[in-house]
Amino acid sequence: MFSLEYAQFLQQRVYKEDNILYMMPGVHLPEKQQKKLLEKFEEVKNW
């Protein structure tokens, strides 16, 4: 479960363009984790 603070942190660091997940410098995750993260990010965005 993602905390709200973490979700807000993610919102500042995760960018989506043309369905490609771009991580800002300092955040390097395997593709599978990025996908999971993006799904969570989408959920958070829709609150």
PDB file of N, CA and C in Angstrom:
ATOM      1  N   MET A   1       0.850  -1.202   0.000  1.00  0.00           N
ATOM      2  CA  MET A   1       0.000   0.000   0.000  1.00  0.00           C
ATOM      3  C   MET A   1       0.883   1.248   0.000  1.00  0.00           C
ATOM      4  N   PHE A   2       0.585   2.147  -0.895  1.00  0.00           N
ATOM      5  CA  PHE A   2       1.356   3.386  -0.999  1.00  0.00           C
ATOM      6  C   PHE A   2       0.802   4.424  -0.031  1.00  0.00           C
ATOM      7  N   SER A   3       1.671   5.070   0.708  1.00  0.00           N
ATOM      8  CA  SER A   3       1.224   6.159   1.572  1.00  0.00           C
ATOM      9  C   SER A   3       0.999   7.408   0.726  1.00  0.00           C
ATOM     10  N   LEU A   4       0.219   8.328   1.245  1.00  0.00           N
ATOM     11  CA  LEU A   4      -0.070   9.556   0.506  1.00  0.00           C
ATOM     12  C   LEU A   4       1.194  10.369   0.279  1.00  0.00           C
ATOM     13  N   GLU A   5       2.067  10.393   1.287  1.00  0.00           N
ATOM     14  CA  GLU A   5       3.325  11.135   1.153  1.00  0.00           C
ATOM     15  C   GLU A   5       4.150  10.561   0.009  1.00  0.00           C
ATOM     16  N   TYR A   6       4.206   9.224  -0.045  1.00  0.00           N
ATOM     17  CA  TYR A   6       4.983   8.574  -1.100  1.00  0.00           C
ATOM     18  C   TYR A   6       4.352   8.839  -2.464  1.00  0.00           C
ATOM     19  N   ALA A   7       3.036   8.827  -2.501  1.00  0.00           N
ATOM     20  CA  ALA A   7       2.321   9.103  -3.743  1.00  0.00           C
ATOM     21  C   ALA A   7       2.635  10.514  -4.244  1.00  0.00           C
ATOM     22  N   GLN A   8       2.662  11.453  -3.328  1.00  0.00           N
ATOM     23  CA  GLN A   8       2.971  12.832  -3.704  1.00  0.00           C
ATOM     24  C   GLN A   8       4.411  12.944  -4.178  1.00  0.00           C
ATOM     25  N   PHE A   9       5.302  12.211  -3.513  1.00  0.00           N
ATOM     26  CA  PHE A   9       6.694  12.165  -3.927  1.00  0.00           C
ATOM     27  C   PHE A   9       6.790  11.618  -5.347  1.00  0.00           C
ATOM     28  N   LEU A  10       6.041  10.558  -5.611  1.00  0.00           N
ATOM     29  CA  LEU A  10       6.052   9.957  -6.950  1.00  0.00           C
ATOM     30  C   LEU A  10       5.538  10.939  -7.994  1.00  0.00           C
ATOM     31  N   GLN A  11       4.485  11.673  -7.639  1.00  0.00           N
ATOM     32  CA  GLN A  11       3.912  12.625  -8.586  1.00  0.00           C
ATOM     33  C   GLN A  11       4.942  13.643  -9.042  1.00  0.00           C
ATOM     34  N   GLN A  12       5.846  13.989  -8.152  1.00  0.00           N
ATOM     35  CA  GLN A  12       6.873  14.969  -8.486  1.00  0.00           C
ATOM     36  C   GLN A  12       7.979  14.349  -9.325  1.00  0.00           C
ATOM     37  N   ARG A  13       8.112  13.020  -9.308  1.00  0.00           N
ATOM     38  CA  ARG A  13       9.254  12.375  -9.943  1.00  0.00           C
ATOM     39  C   ARG A  13       8.899  11.575 -11.189  1.00  0.00           C
ATOM     40  N   VAL A  14       7.635  11.239 -11.361  1.00  0.00           N
ATOM     41  CA  VAL A  14       7.244  10.374 -12.471  1.00  0.00           C
ATOM     42  C   VAL A  14       6.589  11.194 -13.578  1.00  0.00           C
ATOM     43  N   TYR A  15       7.066  10.978 -14.788  1.00  0.00           N
ATOM     44  CA  TYR A  15       6.522  11.671 -15.941  1.00  0.00           C
ATOM     45  C   TYR A  15       6.120  10.656 -16.996  1.00  0.00           C
ATOM     46  N   LYS A  16       4.984  10.892 -17.652  1.00  0.00           N
ATOM     47  CA  LYS A  16       4.506   9.964 -18.662  1.00  0.00           C
ATOM     48  C   LYS A  16       4.339  10.709 -19.985  1.00  0.00           C
ATOM     49  N   GLU A  17       5.002  10.227 -21.013  1.00  0.00           N
ATOM     50  CA  GLU A  17       4.831  10.787 -22.356  1.00  0.00           C
ATOM     51  C   GLU A  17       4.681   9.644 -23.334  1.00  0.00           C
ATOM     52  N   ASP A  18       3.599   9.681 -24.134  1.00  0.00           N
ATOM     53  CA  ASP A  18       3.374   8.640 -25.143  1.00  0.00           C
ATOM     54  C   ASP A  18       3.472   7.245 -24.542  1.00  0.00           C
ATOM     55  N   ASN A  19       2.877   7.076 -23.363  1.00  0.00           N
ATOM     56  CA  ASN A  19       2.838   5.773 -22.688  1.00  0.00           C
ATOM     57  C   ASN A  19       4.205   5.230 -22.331  1.00  0.00           C
ATOM     58  N   ILE A  20       5.223   6.080 -22.324  1.00  0.00           N
ATOM     59  CA  ILE A  20       6.548   5.656 -21.885  1.00  0.00           C
ATOM     60  C   ILE A  20       6.807   6.309 -20.540  1.00  0.00           C
ATOM     61  N   LEU A  21       7.277   5.502 -19.588  1.00  0.00           N
ATOM     62  CA  LEU A  21       7.546   6.040 -18.259  1.00  0.00           C
ATOM     63  C   LEU A  21       8.966   6.568 -18.198  1.00  0.00           C
ATOM     64  N   TYR A  22       9.079   7.848 -17.902  1.00  0.00           N
ATOM     65  CA  TYR A  22      10.405   8.451 -17.760  1.00  0.00           C
ATOM     66  C   TYR A  22      10.655   8.730 -16.294  1.00  0.00           C
ATOM     67  N   MET A  23      11.763   8.229 -15.798  1.00  0.00           N
ATOM     68  CA  MET A  23      12.122   8.507 -14.423  1.00  0.00           C
ATOM     69  C   MET A  23      13.133   9.643 -14.405  1.00  0.00           C
ATOM     70  N   MET A  24      12.970  10.535 -13.462  1.00  0.00           N
ATOM     71  CA  MET A  24      13.946  11.608 -13.318  1.00  0.00           C
ATOM     72  C   MET A  24      15.257  11.020 -12.814  1.00  0.00           C
ATOM     73  N   PRO A  25      16.364  11.710 -13.030  1.00  0.00           N
ATOM     74  CA  PRO A  25      17.657  11.215 -12.545  1.00  0.00           C
ATOM     75  C   PRO A  25      17.577  10.864 -11.061  1.00  0.00           C
ATOM     76  N   GLY A  26      18.196   9.761 -10.702  1.00  0.00           N
ATOM     77  CA  GLY A  26      18.187   9.343  -9.306  1.00  0.00           C
ATOM     78  C   GLY A  26      17.229   8.200  -9.044  1.00  0.00           C
ATOM     79  N   VAL A  27      16.303   7.984  -9.969  1.00  0.00           N
ATOM     80  CA  VAL A  27      15.357   6.885  -9.804  1.00  0.00           C
ATOM     81  C   VAL A  27      15.545   5.898 -10.943  1.00  0.00           C
ATOM     82  N   HIS A  28      16.060   4.734 -10.627  1.00  0.00           N
ATOM     83  CA  HIS A  28      16.285   3.723 -11.655  1.00  0.00           C
ATOM     84  C   HIS A  28      15.620   2.427 -11.219  1.00  0.00           C
ATOM     85  N   LEU A  29      14.607   2.016 -11.946  1.00  0.00           N
ATOM     86  CA  LEU A  29      13.874   0.807 -11.596  1.00  0.00           C
ATOM     87  C   LEU A  29      13.773  -0.110 -12.808  1.00  0.00           C
ATOM     88  N   PRO A  30      13.734  -1.412 -12.556  1.00  0.00           N
ATOM     89  CA  PRO A  30      13.488  -2.355 -13.645  1.00  0.00           C
ATOM     90  C   PRO A  30      12.139  -2.067 -14.300  1.00  0.00           C
ATOM     91  N   GLU A  31      12.009  -2.457 -15.548  1.00  0.00           N
ATOM     92  CA  GLU A  31      10.814  -2.131 -16.327  1.00  0.00           C
ATOM     93  C   GLU A  31       9.531  -2.622 -15.651  1.00  0.00           C
ATOM     94  N   LYS A  32       9.596  -3.825 -15.089  1.00  0.00           N
ATOM     95  CA  LYS A  32       8.408  -4.402 -14.457  1.00  0.00           C
ATOM     96  C   LYS A  32       7.956  -3.541 -13.285  1.00  0.00           C
ATOM     97  N   GLN A  33       8.933  -3.078 -12.500  1.00  0.00           N
ATOM     98  CA  GLN A  33       8.611  -2.218 -11.354  1.00  0.00           C
ATOM     99  C   GLN A  33       8.091  -0.867 -11.825  1.00  0.00           C
ATOM    100  N   GLN A  34       8.656  -0.355 -12.902  1.00  0.00           N
ATOM    101  CA  GLN A  34       8.199   0.924 -13.449  1.00  0.00           C
ATOM    102  C   GLN A  34       6.735   0.830 -13.850  1.00  0.00           C
ATOM    103  N   LYS A  35       6.374  -0.300 -14.470  1.00  0.00           N
ATOM    104  CA  LYS A  35       4.999  -0.492 -14.917  1.00  0.00           C
ATOM    105  C   LYS A  35       4.052  -0.497 -13.728  1.00  0.00           C
ATOM    106  N   LYS A  36       4.450  -1.233 -12.681  1.00  0.00           N
ATOM    107  CA  LYS A  36       3.645  -1.309 -11.467  1.00  0.00           C
ATOM    108  C   LYS A  36       3.490   0.076 -10.855  1.00  0.00           C
ATOM    109  N   LEU A  37       4.599   0.803 -10.832  1.00  0.00           N
ATOM    110  CA  LEU A  37       4.643   2.136 -10.267  1.00  0.00           C
ATOM    111  C   LEU A  37       3.727   3.074 -11.047  1.00  0.00           C
ATOM    112  N   LEU A  38       3.756   2.952 -12.367  1.00  0.00           N
ATOM    113  CA  LEU A  38       2.926   3.804 -13.214  1.00  0.00           C
ATOM    114  C   LEU A  38       1.449   3.527 -12.960  1.00  0.00           C
ATOM    115  N   GLU A  39       1.099   2.255 -12.782  1.00  0.00           N
ATOM    116  CA  GLU A  39      -0.293   1.910 -12.499  1.00  0.00           C
ATOM    117  C   GLU A  39      -0.739   2.534 -11.186  1.00  0.00           C
ATOM    118  N   LYS A  40       0.120   2.444 -10.167  1.00  0.00           N
ATOM    119  CA  LYS A  40      -0.189   3.052  -8.871  1.00  0.00           C
ATOM    120  C   LYS A  40      -0.312   4.568  -9.021  1.00  0.00           C
ATOM    121  N   PHE A  41       0.595   5.145  -9.793  1.00  0.00           N
ATOM    122  CA  PHE A  41       0.592   6.586 -10.025  1.00  0.00           C
ATOM    123  C   PHE A  41      -0.724   7.016 -10.674  1.00  0.00           C
ATOM    124  N   GLU A  42      -1.199   6.229 -11.644  1.00  0.00           N
ATOM    125  CA  GLU A  42      -2.469   6.535 -12.308  1.00  0.00           C
ATOM    126  C   GLU A  42      -3.617   6.493 -11.303  1.00  0.00           C
ATOM    127  N   GLU A  43      -3.598   5.494 -10.409  1.00  0.00           N
ATOM    128  CA  GLU A  43      -4.636   5.401  -9.376  1.00  0.00           C
ATOM    129  C   GLU A  43      -4.631   6.649  -8.506  1.00  0.00           C
ATOM    130  N   VAL A  44      -3.446   7.028  -8.067  1.00  0.00           N
ATOM    131  CA  VAL A  44      -3.296   8.185  -7.179  1.00  0.00           C
ATOM    132  C   VAL A  44      -3.786   9.452  -7.869  1.00  0.00           C
ATOM    133  N   LYS A  45      -3.437   9.589  -9.142  1.00  0.00           N
ATOM    134  CA  LYS A  45      -3.810  10.777  -9.907  1.00  0.00           C
ATOM    135  C   LYS A  45      -5.327  10.911 -10.010  1.00  0.00           C
ATOM    136  N   ASN A  46      -6.019   9.784 -10.008  1.00  0.00           N
ATOM    137  CA  ASN A  46      -7.469   9.806 -10.215  1.00  0.00           C
ATOM    138  C   ASN A  46      -8.267   9.987  -8.926  1.00  0.00           C
ATOM    139  N   TRP A  47      -7.599  10.176  -7.799  1.00  0.00           N
ATOM    140  CA  TRP A  47      -8.315  10.392  -6.549  1.00  0.00           C
ATOM    141  C   TRP A  47      -9.092  11.695  -6.607  1.00  0.00           C
TER     142      TRP A  47
END
